[in-house]
Each structure stands twice: as structure tokens, then as C-alpha cells.
PDB file of N, CA and C in Angstrom:
ATOM      1  N   MET A   1       8.457  25.445  21.458  1.00  0.00           N
ATOM      2  CA  MET A   1       8.943  24.081  21.785  1.00  0.00           C
ATOM      3  C   MET A   1      10.428  24.158  21.985  1.00  0.00           C
ATOM      4  N   VAL A   2      10.839  23.325  23.187  1.00  0.00           N
ATOM      5  CA  VAL A   2      12.340  22.961  23.192  1.00  0.00           C
ATOM      6  C   VAL A   2      12.683  21.818  22.593  1.00  0.00           C
ATOM      7  N   VAL A   3      13.840  21.618  21.904  1.00  0.00           N
ATOM      8  CA  VAL A   3      13.830  20.384  21.299  1.00  0.00           C
ATOM      9  C   VAL A   3      15.387  19.673  21.522  1.00  0.00           C
ATOM     10  N   GLY A   4      15.266  18.170  21.664  1.00  0.00           N
ATOM     11  CA  GLY A   4      16.594  17.949  22.124  1.00  0.00           C
ATOM     12  C   GLY A   4      16.802  17.055  23.421  1.00  0.00           C
ATOM     13  N   LYS A   5      16.111  17.841  24.504  1.00  0.00           N
ATOM     14  CA  LYS A   5      16.332  17.548  25.692  1.00  0.00           C
ATOM     15  C   LYS A   5      14.988  17.652  26.597  1.00  0.00           C
ATOM     16  N   GLU A   6      13.878  17.623  25.990  1.00  0.00           N
ATOM     17  CA  GLU A   6      12.672  17.812  26.679  1.00  0.00           C
ATOM     18  C   GLU A   6      12.455  16.216  27.347  1.00  0.00           C
ATOM     19  N   ARG A   7      11.464  15.964  28.285  1.00  0.00           N
ATOM     20  CA  ARG A   7      10.999  15.006  29.078  1.00  0.00           C
ATOM     21  C   ARG A   7       9.893  14.473  27.789  1.00  0.00           C
ATOM     22  N   ARG A   8       9.866  13.260  27.833  1.00  0.00           N
ATOM     23  CA  ARG A   8       8.636  12.441  27.122  1.00  0.00           C
ATOM     24  C   ARG A   8       7.462  12.664  28.381  1.00  0.00           C
ATOM     25  N   ARG A   9       6.061  13.220  27.463  1.00  0.00           N
ATOM     26  CA  ARG A   9       5.405  13.370  28.333  1.00  0.00           C
ATOM     27  C   ARG A   9       3.985  12.622  27.986  1.00  0.00           C
ATOM     28  N   ALA A  10       4.240  11.466  27.382  1.00  0.00           N
ATOM     29  CA  ALA A  10       3.170  10.426  27.207  1.00  0.00           C
ATOM     30  C   ALA A  10       4.027   8.956  27.076  1.00  0.00           C
ATOM     31  N   TYR A  11       2.817   7.953  27.226  1.00  0.00           N
ATOM     32  CA  TYR A  11       3.459   6.737  27.602  1.00  0.00           C
ATOM     33  C   TYR A  11       3.916   6.231  25.787  1.00  0.00           C
ATOM     34  N   ARG A  12       4.777   5.471  25.991  1.00  0.00           N
ATOM     35  CA  ARG A  12       5.346   4.904  24.431  1.00  0.00           C
ATOM     36  C   ARG A  12       5.338   3.582  24.391  1.00  0.00           C
ATOM     37  N   ILE A  13       4.784   3.266  23.414  1.00  0.00           N
ATOM     38  CA  ILE A  13       4.696   1.892  23.028  1.00  0.00           C
ATOM     39  C   ILE A  13       5.958   1.521  21.715  1.00  0.00           C
ATOM     40  N   TYR A  14       6.491   0.264  22.146  1.00  0.00           N
ATOM     41  CA  TYR A  14       7.329  -0.391  21.093  1.00  0.00           C
ATOM     42  C   TYR A  14       6.712  -0.708  19.814  1.00  0.00           C
ATOM     43  N   VAL A  15       6.846  -0.280  18.559  1.00  0.00           N
ATOM     44  CA  VAL A  15       6.530  -0.647  17.693  1.00  0.00           C
ATOM     45  C   VAL A  15       7.020  -1.300  16.233  1.00  0.00           C
ATOM     46  N   PRO A  16       7.603  -2.385  16.436  1.00  0.00           N
ATOM     47  CA  PRO A  16       8.213  -2.722  15.067  1.00  0.00           C
ATOM     48  C   PRO A  16       7.668  -3.131  13.958  1.00  0.00           C
ATOM     49  N   GLU A  17       6.477  -3.442  14.062  1.00  0.00           N
ATOM     50  CA  GLU A  17       5.671  -3.680  12.991  1.00  0.00           C
ATOM     51  C   GLU A  17       5.172  -2.495  12.042  1.00  0.00           C
ATOM     52  N   LEU A  18       5.569  -1.576  12.598  1.00  0.00           N
ATOM     53  CA  LEU A  18       5.263   0.060  11.759  1.00  0.00           C
ATOM     54  C   LEU A  18       6.548   0.354  11.009  1.00  0.00           C
ATOM     55  N   ARG A  19       6.161   0.975   9.872  1.00  0.00           N
ATOM     56  CA  ARG A  19       7.216   1.603   9.038  1.00  0.00           C
ATOM     57  C   ARG A  19       6.894   3.129   9.008  1.00  0.00           C
ATOM     58  N   VAL A  20       7.922   3.936   8.740  1.00  0.00           N
ATOM     59  CA  VAL A  20       7.729   5.527   8.748  1.00  0.00           C
ATOM     60  C   VAL A  20       8.099   5.847   7.215  1.00  0.00           C
ATOM     61  N   ARG A  21       7.059   6.489   6.362  1.00  0.00           N
ATOM     62  CA  ARG A  21       7.599   6.817   4.845  1.00  0.00           C
ATOM     63  C   ARG A  21       7.677   8.519   5.174  1.00  0.00           C
ATOM     64  N   VAL A  22       8.602   9.044   4.842  1.00  0.00           N
ATOM     65  CA  VAL A  22       9.141  10.490   5.228  1.00  0.00           C
ATOM     66  C   VAL A  22       9.100  10.939   3.742  1.00  0.00           C
ATOM     67  N   ALA A  23       8.451  12.117   3.693  1.00  0.00           N
ATOM     68  CA  ALA A  23       8.517  12.513   2.055  1.00  0.00           C
ATOM     69  C   ALA A  23      10.068  13.049   1.630  1.00  0.00           C
ATOM     70  N   GLY A  24       9.990  12.816   0.561  1.00  0.00           N
ATOM     71  CA  GLY A  24      11.492  13.350   0.184  1.00  0.00           C
ATOM     72  C   GLY A  24      12.487  12.385   0.421  1.00  0.00           C
ATOM     73  N   TYR A  25      12.168  11.060   1.062  1.00  0.00           N
ATOM     74  CA  TYR A  25      13.016   9.926   0.902  1.00  0.00           C
ATOM     75  C   TYR A  25      12.800   8.665   0.154  1.00  0.00           C
ATOM     76  N   GLU A  26      13.867   7.885  -0.266  1.00  0.00           N
ATOM     77  CA  GLU A  26      13.359   6.956  -1.187  1.00  0.00           C
ATOM     78  C   GLU A  26      12.844   5.738  -0.606  1.00  0.00           C
ATOM     79  N   TYR A  27      13.143   5.752   0.521  1.00  0.00           N
ATOM     80  CA  TYR A  27      12.504   4.016   1.288  1.00  0.00           C
ATOM     81  C   TYR A  27      11.918   4.461   2.768  1.00  0.00           C
ATOM     82  N   ASP A  28      11.633   3.506   3.392  1.00  0.00           N
ATOM     83  CA  ASP A  28      10.805   3.586   4.523  1.00  0.00           C
ATOM     84  C   ASP A  28      11.451   3.336   5.739  1.00  0.00           C
ATOM     85  N   PHE A  29      11.372   4.016   6.655  1.00  0.00           N
ATOM     86  CA  PHE A  29      12.225   3.831   8.158  1.00  0.00           C
ATOM     87  C   PHE A  29      11.559   2.730   9.008  1.00  0.00           C
ATOM     88  N   LYS A  30      12.238   1.896   9.608  1.00  0.00           N
ATOM     89  CA  LYS A  30      11.397   1.238  10.540  1.00  0.00           C
ATOM     90  C   LYS A  30      11.171   1.845  11.775  1.00  0.00           C
ATOM     91  N   ALA A  31       9.889   2.174  12.456  1.00  0.00           N
ATOM     92  CA  ALA A  31       9.689   2.736  13.494  1.00  0.00           C
ATOM     93  C   ALA A  31       9.890   1.817  14.962  1.00  0.00           C
ATOM     94  N   TRP A  32      10.399   2.501  15.823  1.00  0.00           N
ATOM     95  CA  TRP A  32      10.857   2.142  17.202  1.00  0.00           C
ATOM     96  C   TRP A  32       9.634   2.150  18.503  1.00  0.00           C
ATOM     97  N   ASP A  33       9.174   3.437  18.300  1.00  0.00           N
ATOM     98  CA  ASP A  33       7.939   3.542  19.215  1.00  0.00           C
ATOM     99  C   ASP A  33       6.924   4.566  19.092  1.00  0.00           C
ATOM    100  N   LEU A  34       5.770   4.612  19.697  1.00  0.00           N
ATOM    101  CA  LEU A  34       4.985   5.392  19.176  1.00  0.00           C
ATOM    102  C   LEU A  34       4.012   5.680  20.705  1.00  0.00           C
ATOM    103  N   SER A  35       3.610   6.954  20.337  1.00  0.00           N
ATOM    104  CA  SER A  35       2.748   7.802  21.395  1.00  0.00           C
ATOM    105  C   SER A  35       1.727   8.630  20.686  1.00  0.00           C
ATOM    106  N   ILE A  36       0.811   8.836  21.602  1.00  0.00           N
ATOM    107  CA  ILE A  36      -0.219   9.848  21.159  1.00  0.00           C
ATOM    108  C   ILE A  36       0.192  11.306  20.772  1.00  0.00           C
ATOM    109  N   LEU A  37       1.574  11.348  21.245  1.00  0.00           N
ATOM    110  CA  LEU A  37       2.014  12.738  20.725  1.00  0.00           C
ATOM    111  C   LEU A  37       3.459  12.744  20.084  1.00  0.00           C
ATOM    112  N   GLY A  38       3.975  11.511  19.522  1.00  0.00           N
ATOM    113  CA  GLY A  38       4.878  11.261  18.396  1.00  0.00           C
ATOM    114  C   GLY A  38       5.357  10.164  18.391  1.00  0.00           C
ATOM    115  N   ILE A  39       6.554   9.964  17.205  1.00  0.00           N
ATOM    116  CA  ILE A  39       6.874   8.638  17.393  1.00  0.00           C
ATOM    117  C   ILE A  39       8.615   8.678  16.828  1.00  0.00           C
ATOM    118  N   GLY A  40       8.904   7.551  17.297  1.00  0.00           N
ATOM    119  CA  GLY A  40      10.562   7.414  16.959  1.00  0.00           C
ATOM    120  C   GLY A  40      10.656   6.596  16.036  1.00  0.00           C
ATOM    121  N   PHE A  41      11.847   6.539  15.125  1.00  0.00           N
ATOM    122  CA  PHE A  41      12.040   5.750  14.122  1.00  0.00           C
ATOM    123  C   PHE A  41      13.416   5.779  13.969  1.00  0.00           C
ATOM    124  N   MET A  42      13.804   4.275  13.278  1.00  0.00           N
ATOM    125  CA  MET A  42      15.357   4.170  13.338  1.00  0.00           C
ATOM    126  C   MET A  42      15.974   4.756  11.851  1.00  0.00           C
ATOM    127  N   TYR A  43      17.108   5.153  11.718  1.00  0.00           N
ATOM    128  CA  TYR A  43      17.767   6.079  10.908  1.00  0.00           C
ATOM    129  C   TYR A  43      18.772   5.697  10.491  1.00  0.00           C
ATOM    130  N   GLY A  44      19.256   5.721   9.154  1.00  0.00           N
ATOM    131  CA  GLY A  44      20.960   5.327   8.770  1.00  0.00           C
ATOM    132  C   GLY A  44      21.591   6.423   8.396  1.00  0.00           C
ATOM    133  N   ALA A  45      22.261   6.184   7.479  1.00  0.00           N
ATOM    134  CA  ALA A  45      22.973   7.100   6.656  1.00  0.00           C
ATOM    135  C   ALA A  45      22.321   8.539   6.603  1.00  0.00           C
ATOM    136  N   ASN A  46      21.140   8.616   6.555  1.00  0.00           N
ATOM    137  CA  ASN A  46      20.591  10.038   6.198  1.00  0.00           C
ATOM    138  C   ASN A  46      20.280  10.671   7.264  1.00  0.00           C
ATOM    139  N   PRO A  47      21.140  11.422   7.906  1.00  0.00           N
ATOM    140  CA  PRO A  47      20.516  12.182   9.045  1.00  0.00           C
ATOM    141  C   PRO A  47      19.833  13.176   9.109  1.00  0.00           C
ATOM    142  N   PHE A  48      19.008  13.665  10.268  1.00  0.00           N
ATOM    143  CA  PHE A  48      17.804  14.515   9.931  1.00  0.00           C
ATOM    144  C   PHE A  48      18.451  15.616  11.264  1.00  0.00           C
ATOM    145  N   ARG A  49      18.071  16.981  11.025  1.00  0.00           N
ATOM    146  CA  ARG A  49      18.275  17.870  12.264  1.00  0.00           C
ATOM    147  C   ARG A  49      17.474  17.948  12.939  1.00  0.00           C
ATOM    148  N   LEU A  50      17.693  18.521  14.039  1.00  0.00           N
ATOM    149  CA  LEU A  50      16.969  18.959  15.309  1.00  0.00           C
ATOM    150  C   LEU A  50      15.818  19.901  14.772  1.00  0.00           C
ATOM    151  N   ALA A  51      14.495  19.890  15.188  1.00  0.00           N
ATOM    152  CA  ALA A  51      13.531  20.984  14.514  1.00  0.00           C
ATOM    153  C   ALA A  51      13.243  21.323  13.414  1.00  0.00           C
ATOM    154  N   GLN A  52      13.631  20.157  12.312  1.00  0.00           N
ATOM    155  CA  GLN A  52      13.196  19.841  11.146  1.00  0.00           C
ATOM    156  C   GLN A  52      11.899  19.318  10.834  1.00  0.00           C
ATOM    157  N   ILE A  53      11.235  19.859  10.239  1.00  0.00           N
ATOM    158  CA  ILE A  53       9.744  19.644   9.747  1.00  0.00           C
ATOM    159  C   ILE A  53       9.406  18.581   8.877  1.00  0.00           C
ATOM    160  N   LEU A  54       9.039  17.388   9.430  1.00  0.00           N
ATOM    161  CA  LEU A  54       8.770  16.273   8.229  1.00  0.00           C
ATOM    162  C   LEU A  54       6.969  16.003   8.169  1.00  0.00           C
ATOM    163  N   ARG A  55       7.016  15.630   6.855  1.00  0.00           N
ATOM    164  CA  ARG A  55       5.831  15.001   6.387  1.00  0.00           C
ATOM    165  C   ARG A  55       5.616  13.743   6.467  1.00  0.00           C
ATOM    166  N   MET A  56       5.203  12.712   6.897  1.00  0.00           N
ATOM    167  CA  MET A  56       5.002  11.503   7.043  1.00  0.00           C
ATOM    168  C   MET A  56       4.073  10.622   6.783  1.00  0.00           C
ATOM    169  N   ASP A  57       4.046   9.431   6.596  1.00  0.00           N
ATOM    170  CA  ASP A  57       2.847   8.298   6.324  1.00  0.00           C
ATOM    171  C   ASP A  57       3.433   7.265   7.311  1.00  0.00           C
ATOM    172  N   LEU A  58       1.952   6.774   8.110  1.00  0.00           N
ATOM    173  CA  LEU A  58       2.607   5.634   9.024  1.00  0.00           C
ATOM    174  C   LEU A  58       1.974   4.118   8.148  1.00  0.00           C
ATOM    175  N   LEU A  59       2.771   3.224   8.179  1.00  0.00           N
ATOM    176  CA  LEU A  59       2.359   2.057   7.676  1.00  0.00           C
ATOM    177  C   LEU A  59       2.714   0.612   8.325  1.00  0.00           C
ATOM    178  N   GLU A  60       1.471  -0.237   7.992  1.00  0.00           N
ATOM    179  CA  GLU A  60       1.885  -1.575   8.603  1.00  0.00           C
ATOM    180  C   GLU A  60       1.675  -2.548   7.060  1.00  0.00           C
ATOM    181  N   HIS A  61       2.008  -3.720   7.545  1.00  0.00           N
ATOM    182  CA  HIS A  61       2.052  -4.665   6.386  1.00  0.00           C
ATOM    183  C   HIS A  61       1.048  -4.848   5.393  1.00  0.00           C
ATOM    184  N   SER A  62      -0.357  -4.188   5.768  1.00  0.00           N
ATOM    185  CA  SER A  62      -1.660  -3.829   5.111  1.00  0.00           C
ATOM    186  C   SER A  62      -1.405  -2.611   4.288  1.00  0.00           C
ATOM    187  N   GLY A  63      -0.837  -1.748   4.499  1.00  0.00           N
ATOM    188  CA  GLY A  63      -0.902  -0.556   3.890  1.00  0.00           C
ATOM    189  C   GLY A  63      -0.416   0.736   4.415  1.00  0.00           C
ATOM    190  N   ILE A  64      -0.887   1.877   3.953  1.00  0.00           N
ATOM    191  CA  ILE A  64      -0.748   2.900   4.681  1.00  0.00           C
ATOM    192  C   ILE A  64      -1.842   2.910   5.919  1.00  0.00           C
ATOM    193  N   ILE A  65      -1.768   3.242   7.296  1.00  0.00           N
ATOM    194  CA  ILE A  65      -2.772   3.418   8.024  1.00  0.00           C
ATOM    195  C   ILE A  65      -3.063   4.951   8.417  1.00  0.00           C
ATOM    196  N   LEU A  66      -1.992   5.885   8.314  1.00  0.00           N
ATOM    197  CA  LEU A  66      -2.126   7.425   8.559  1.00  0.00           C
ATOM    198  C   LEU A  66      -1.467   8.015   7.487  1.00  0.00           C
ATOM    199  N   SER A  67      -1.903   9.011   7.073  1.00  0.00           N
ATOM    200  CA  SER A  67      -1.377   9.671   5.884  1.00  0.00           C
ATOM    201  C   SER A  67      -0.917  11.180   6.141  1.00  0.00           C
ATOM    202  N   GLY A  68       0.141  11.721   5.643  1.00  0.00           N
ATOM    203  CA  GLY A  68       0.263  13.312   5.700  1.00  0.00           C
ATOM    204  C   GLY A  68       0.373  13.941   6.934  1.00  0.00           C
ATOM    205  N   VAL A  69       1.122  12.928   7.746  1.00  0.00           N
ATOM    206  CA  VAL A  69       1.118  13.554   9.417  1.00  0.00           C
ATOM    207  C   VAL A  69       2.489  14.606   9.277  1.00  0.00           C
ATOM    208  N   ASP A  70       1.998  15.859  10.128  1.00  0.00           N
ATOM    209  CA  ASP A  70       3.535  16.659  10.051  1.00  0.00           C
ATOM    210  C   ASP A  70       4.152  16.273  11.654  1.00  0.00           C
ATOM    211  N   ALA A  71       5.363  16.256  11.519  1.00  0.00           N
ATOM    212  CA  ALA A  71       5.873  16.106  12.821  1.00  0.00           C
ATOM    213  C   ALA A  71       7.342  16.870  12.737  1.00  0.00           C
ATOM    214  N   ILE A  72       7.961  17.510  14.010  1.00  0.00           N
ATOM    215  CA  ILE A  72       8.954  18.128  14.149  1.00  0.00           C
ATOM    216  C   ILE A  72      10.131  17.070  14.883  1.00  0.00           C
ATOM    217  N   VAL A  73      11.369  17.238  14.324  1.00  0.00           N
ATOM    218  CA  VAL A  73      12.084  16.170  14.964  1.00  0.00           C
ATOM    219  C   VAL A  73      12.671  16.793  16.086  1.00  0.00           C
ATOM    220  N   SER A  74      12.465  16.127  16.995  1.00  0.00           N
ATOM    221  CA  SER A  74      12.785  16.541  18.760  1.00  0.00           C
ATOM    222  C   SER A  74      13.603  16.103  19.297  1.00  0.00           C
ATOM    223  N   ARG A  75      14.242  14.563  19.140  1.00  0.00           N
ATOM    224  CA  ARG A  75      15.564  13.998  19.519  1.00  0.00           C
ATOM    225  C   ARG A  75      16.375  13.369  18.730  1.00  0.00           C
ATOM    226  N   MET A  76      17.687  13.021  19.015  1.00  0.00           N
ATOM    227  CA  MET A  76      17.932  12.162  17.933  1.00  0.00           C
ATOM    228  C   MET A  76      19.128  11.646  18.830  1.00  0.00           C
ATOM    229  N   GLY A  77      19.776  10.314  18.499  1.00  0.00           N
ATOM    230  CA  GLY A  77      20.733   9.678  19.489  1.00  0.00           C
ATOM    231  C   GLY A  77      20.496   7.957  18.842  1.00  0.00           C
ATOM    232  N   ALA A  78      21.676   7.677  18.845  1.00  0.00           N
ATOM    233  CA  ALA A  78      21.750   5.886  18.880  1.00  0.00           C
ATOM    234  C   ALA A  78      20.774   5.650  17.814  1.00  0.00           C
ATOM    235  N   GLY A  79      20.915   6.055  16.734  1.00  0.00           N
ATOM    236  CA  GLY A  79      20.228   5.494  15.463  1.00  0.00           C
ATOM    237  C   GLY A  79      18.443   5.962  15.660  1.00  0.00           C
ATOM    238  N   VAL A  80      18.238   6.325  16.560  1.00  0.00           N
ATOM    239  CA  VAL A  80      16.685   6.731  16.456  1.00  0.00           C
ATOM    240  C   VAL A  80      16.358   8.039  16.329  1.00  0.00           C
ATOM    241  N   VAL A  81      15.647   8.709  15.750  1.00  0.00           N
ATOM    242  CA  VAL A  81      15.021  10.108  15.792  1.00  0.00           C
ATOM    243  C   VAL A  81      14.016   9.966  16.413  1.00  0.00           C
ATOM    244  N   GLY A  82      13.229  11.241  17.099  1.00  0.00           N
ATOM    245  CA  GLY A  82      12.229  11.442  17.960  1.00  0.00           C
ATOM    246  C   GLY A  82      11.570  12.139  17.039  1.00  0.00           C
ATOM    247  N   CYS A  83      10.132  12.173  16.809  1.00  0.00           N
ATOM    248  CA  CYS A  83       9.418  13.293  16.606  1.00  0.00           C
ATOM    249  C   CYS A  83       8.287  13.396  17.111  1.00  0.00           C
ATOM    250  N   ALA A  84       7.905  14.735  17.199  1.00  0.00           N
ATOM    251  CA  ALA A  84       6.541  15.107  18.012  1.00  0.00           C
ATOM    252  C   ALA A  84       5.556  15.466  16.907  1.00  0.00           C
ATOM    253  N   PHE A  85       4.269  14.964  17.072  1.00  0.00           N
ATOM    254  CA  PHE A  85       3.298  15.294  16.000  1.00  0.00           C
ATOM    255  C   PHE A  85       2.851  16.856  15.764  1.00  0.00           C
ATOM    256  N   LEU A  86       2.614  17.372  14.817  1.00  0.00           N
ATOM    257  CA  LEU A  86       2.275  18.872  14.574  1.00  0.00           C
ATOM    258  C   LEU A  86       0.746  19.060  13.818  1.00  0.00           C
ATOM    259  N   ARG A  87       0.178  19.771  14.474  1.00  0.00           N
ATOM    260  CA  ARG A  87      -1.029  20.235  13.871  1.00  0.00           C
ATOM    261  C   ARG A  87      -1.960  18.929  13.257  1.00  0.00           C
ATOM    262  N   LEU A  88      -2.260  17.972  14.135  1.00  0.00           N
ATOM    263  CA  LEU A  88      -3.246  16.519  13.815  1.00  0.00           C
ATOM    264  C   LEU A  88      -4.499  16.926  13.491  1.00  0.00           C
ATOM    265  N   GLN A  89      -4.892  16.564  12.365  1.00  0.00           N
ATOM    266  CA  GLN A  89      -6.442  16.835  12.005  1.00  0.00           C
ATOM    267  C   GLN A  89      -6.977  15.990  13.018  1.00  0.00           C
ATOM    268  N   ALA A  90      -8.464  16.365  13.455  1.00  0.00           N
ATOM    269  CA  ALA A  90      -9.294  15.537  14.308  1.00  0.00           C
ATOM    270  C   ALA A  90      -9.205  13.891  13.999  1.00  0.00           C
ATOM    271  N   SER A  91      -9.430  13.573  12.570  1.00  0.00           N
ATOM    272  CA  SER A  91      -9.287  12.187  12.106  1.00  0.00           C
ATOM    273  C   SER A  91      -8.011  11.532  12.481  1.00  0.00           C
ATOM    274  N   GLN A  92      -6.669  12.420  12.267  1.00  0.00           N
ATOM    275  CA  GLN A  92      -5.336  11.853  12.340  1.00  0.00           C
ATOM    276  C   GLN A  92      -5.311  11.513  13.806  1.00  0.00           C
ATOM    277  N   GLN A  93      -5.672  12.635  14.832  1.00  0.00           N
ATOM    278  CA  GLN A  93      -5.785  12.274  16.362  1.00  0.00           C
ATOM    279  C   GLN A  93      -6.201  10.813  16.585  1.00  0.00           C
ATOM    280  N   SER A  94      -7.672  10.811  16.171  1.00  0.00           N
ATOM    281  CA  SER A  94      -8.207   9.754  16.554  1.00  0.00           C
ATOM    282  C   SER A  94      -7.585   8.494  15.965  1.00  0.00           C
ATOM    283  N   ALA A  95      -6.888   8.307  14.936  1.00  0.00           N
ATOM    284  CA  ALA A  95      -6.254   7.266  14.240  1.00  0.00           C
ATOM    285  C   ALA A  95      -5.062   7.004  15.186  1.00  0.00           C
ATOM    286  N   VAL A  96      -4.372   7.937  15.672  1.00  0.00           N
ATOM    287  CA  VAL A  96      -3.106   7.908  16.326  1.00  0.00           C
ATOM    288  C   VAL A  96      -3.433   7.245  17.858  1.00  0.00           C
ATOM    289  N   GLU A  97      -4.773   7.529  18.400  1.00  0.00           N
ATOM    290  CA  GLU A  97      -5.039   7.085  19.493  1.00  0.00           C
ATOM    291  C   GLU A  97      -5.405   5.550  19.412  1.00  0.00           C
ATOM    292  N   ALA A  98      -6.397   5.438  18.627  1.00  0.00           N
ATOM    293  CA  ALA A  98      -6.731   4.056  18.313  1.00  0.00           C
ATOM    294  C   ALA A  98      -5.468   3.075  18.223  1.00  0.00           C
ATOM    295  N   LEU A  99      -4.586   3.798  17.144  1.00  0.00           N
ATOM    296  CA  LEU A  99      -3.221   2.463  16.899  1.00  0.00           C
ATOM    297  C   LEU A  99      -2.578   2.476  18.160  1.00  0.00           C
ATOM    298  N   VAL A 100      -2.465   3.325  19.099  1.00  0.00           N
ATOM    299  CA  VAL A 100      -1.796   3.036  20.365  1.00  0.00           C
ATOM    300  C   VAL A 100      -2.642   1.997  21.153  1.00  0.00           C
ATOM    301  N   LEU A 101      -3.716   2.496  21.285  1.00  0.00           N
ATOM    302  CA  LEU A 101      -4.269   1.428  22.236  1.00  0.00           C
ATOM    303  C   LEU A 101      -4.505   0.149  21.243  1.00  0.00           C
ATOM    304  N   ARG A 102      -4.521   0.173  19.876  1.00  0.00           N
ATOM    305  CA  ARG A 102      -4.710  -1.169  19.614  1.00  0.00           C
ATOM    306  C   ARG A 102      -3.235  -2.031  20.023  1.00  0.00           C
ATOM    307  N   MET A 103      -2.219  -1.181  19.497  1.00  0.00           N
ATOM    308  CA  MET A 103      -0.830  -1.644  19.866  1.00  0.00           C
ATOM    309  C   MET A 103      -0.823  -2.138  21.391  1.00  0.00           C
ATOM    310  N   GLN A 104      -1.445  -1.496  22.280  1.00  0.00           N
ATOM    311  CA  GLN A 104      -1.171  -1.930  23.609  1.00  0.00           C
ATOM    312  C   GLN A 104      -1.805  -2.766  23.969  1.00  0.00           C
ATOM    313  N   ALA A 105      -2.806  -3.236  23.347  1.00  0.00           N
ATOM    314  CA  ALA A 105      -3.740  -4.323  23.590  1.00  0.00           C
ATOM    315  C   ALA A 105      -3.119  -5.479  22.974  1.00  0.00           C
ATOM    316  N   GLU A 106      -2.317  -5.646  21.768  1.00  0.00           N
ATOM    317  CA  GLU A 106      -1.626  -6.486  21.268  1.00  0.00           C
ATOM    318  C   GLU A 106      -0.458  -6.820  22.173  1.00  0.00           C
ATOM    319  N   ARG A 107       0.159  -6.049  22.785  1.00  0.00           N
ATOM    320  CA  ARG A 107       1.671  -6.382  23.786  1.00  0.00           C
ATOM    321  C   ARG A 107       0.969  -7.003  24.740  1.00  0.00           C
ATOM    322  N   ILE A 108      -0.132  -6.879  25.187  1.00  0.00           N
ATOM    323  CA  ILE A 108      -0.546  -7.122  26.392  1.00  0.00           C
ATOM    324  C   ILE A 108      -1.087  -8.651  26.379  1.00  0.00           C
ATOM    325  N   ALA A 109      -1.756  -9.075  24.986  1.00  0.00           N
ATOM    326  CA  ALA A 109      -2.130 -10.081  24.878  1.00  0.00           C
ATOM    327  C   ALA A 109      -0.990 -11.238  24.426  1.00  0.00           C
ATOM    328  N   GLN A 110       0.000 -10.790  24.055  1.00  0.00           N
ATOM    329  CA  GLN A 110       1.228 -11.603  23.707  1.00  0.00           C
ATOM    330  C   GLN A 110       2.068 -11.727  24.967  1.00  0.00           C
ATOM    331  N   THR A 111       1.993 -10.844  26.145  1.00  0.00           N
ATOM    332  CA  THR A 111       2.861 -11.070  27.331  1.00  0.00           C
ATOM    333  C   THR A 111       2.232 -11.462  28.184  1.00  0.00           C
ATOM    334  N   GLY A 112       0.896 -11.689  28.198  1.00  0.00           N
ATOM    335  CA  GLY A 112      -0.008 -12.086  29.253  1.00  0.00           C
ATOM    336  C   GLY A 112      -0.329 -11.160  30.370  1.00  0.00           C
ATOM    337  N   ALA A 113      -0.072  -9.923  30.098  1.00  0.00           N
ATOM    338  CA  ALA A 113       0.494  -8.871  31.538  1.00  0.00           C
ATOM    339  C   ALA A 113      -1.138  -8.056  31.635  1.00  0.00           C
TER     340      ALA A 113
END
């Protein structure tokens, strides 16, 4: 897998209501965007490394919506780290797909488009 400069291969949706909990970090990160292939989230003083493997949970205000997801850091810049999901189980893949579709439907309803 090429990291850092590869083109995005799936539609991404802005998801400011999601948070990302990364194993080994004391606080949650604010999600930036999501696709069926990965997630972007904002980071501050704790930089990540390209090709670093992370284990994460995705959360909404109601709690954890996806748990134990492995991802690889594929891009970094402007305070946002992009990660590609790795080895998703079938149930995790279905949950990500459902989440992306739900978020898209919510955006359409909000904008009237």
C-alpha cells in the first residue's frame, strides 16, 4: 500500500458529529470525514506517523457505534490525519456502509439537495 500521496478511491462525507477513540490515547479525536474505505480525523499535539497502525472505535453522542477497527495512517496534513481501514470483519464493513449511507441521507435532508 502506498501511503501519503495516493488518490482517494471512495466518496467521503463530512462527519463532525463523530468522534474517534484511538487505543493508547487519553482523549477522543473529532472526526473530519468518512468513507467506506477509511476515516479522517483532526489531531493536535500528538502527531501520528505515516503507515502507523491504529486500533479505533467510532463514537456518536449515543456511544460507541463501531468498535475495534484497525486502520493505517495513509495521509497527514493541515491538522487532519487520514486512515484507511484494514481487515474489517463483515459486520464492521456492514456497519461502516450503513453509517456512510445514513450520514449521506442526513446531509441531503439538511440541505434539501
